[in-house]
Protein backbone atom coordinates (compact mmCIF):
# COMPACT_ATOMS: atom_id res chain seq x y z
CA MET A 1 18.87 28.01 8.13
CA PRO A 2 15.66 25.43 7.46
CA GLN A 3 14.24 25.19 10.97
CA THR A 4 12.07 21.82 11.56
CA ARG A 5 8.35 22.14 12.59
CA GLU A 6 5.90 20.64 14.59
CA CYS A 7 2.94 18.78 13.75
CA ASP A 8 -0.24 19.97 15.58
CA PHE A 9 -1.81 17.32 15.85
CA CYS A 10 0.08 14.23 17.61
CA GLY A 11 4.22 15.91 17.86
CA SER A 12 6.57 14.91 16.12
CA ASP A 13 9.24 17.19 13.99
CA ILE A 14 8.43 18.28 10.26
CA GLU A 15 11.10 18.38 8.16
CA PRO A 16 11.98 21.02 6.23
CA GLY A 17 10.30 20.34 2.86
CA THR A 18 8.01 17.83 3.69
CA GLY A 19 4.64 17.46 5.08
CA THR A 20 1.84 19.68 5.01
CA MET A 21 0.77 23.91 6.61
CA PHE A 22 -3.16 25.35 6.27
CA VAL A 23 -3.97 28.68 6.68
CA ARG A 24 -7.61 28.96 7.47
CA THR A 25 -9.44 32.00 7.13
CA ASP A 26 -9.05 33.69 10.45
CA GLY A 27 -5.12 33.56 9.17
CA SER A 28 -3.62 31.04 12.32
CA THR A 29 -1.64 28.47 10.69
CA VAL A 30 -2.15 24.36 10.83
CA HIS A 31 1.52 21.57 10.54
CA PHE A 32 0.81 18.59 10.07
CA CYS A 33 2.63 15.56 8.92
CA SER A 34 1.39 12.69 7.80
CA ALA A 35 -2.07 12.36 5.68
CA LYS A 36 -2.57 10.42 8.34
CA CYS A 37 -2.57 13.76 10.98
CA GLU A 38 -4.75 15.54 8.74
CA LYS A 39 -7.82 12.74 8.08
CA ASN A 40 -7.37 12.33 12.27
CA ALA A 41 -7.38 16.00 13.01
CA ASP A 42 -10.39 16.70 10.18
CA LEU A 43 -12.40 14.12 11.97
CA GLY A 44 -12.48 15.75 15.21
CA ARG A 45 -10.21 13.45 16.80
CA GLU A 46 -8.68 14.31 19.55
CA PRO A 47 -4.40 13.18 20.18
CA ARG A 48 -4.86 12.77 23.65
CA ASP A 49 -7.49 9.16 22.83
CA LEU A 50 -4.84 8.06 20.10
CA GLU A 51 -1.48 5.78 21.73
CA TRP A 52 -0.14 7.08 18.82
CA THR A 53 0.43 10.85 20.37
CA GLU A 54 3.26 12.14 22.66
CA GLU A 55 0.01 13.46 24.14
CA GLY A 56 -2.33 10.07 24.05
CA GLY A 57 1.33 7.78 24.61
CA ALA A 58 1.31 6.44 27.65
CA GLU A 59 2.11 8.32 30.87
CA GLU A 60 6.07 7.16 32.98
CA GLY A 61 5.42 4.61 35.52
CA GLU A 62 2.35 2.87 32.92
CA GLN A 63 2.61 0.02 31.40
């Protein structure tokens, strides 16, 4: 059974057969769900600073 992965940038689920996986020279892997996440990571942006990511989403009770 194929397993779903989680995007290392935004935290959303990646369906099997989609997304991009990079293997760094140290052997660690990084999974991205879209080019949007990939480009933001390449630019050095932090997910907690972006509203559309799970880390950057509004806190409960905050409006």
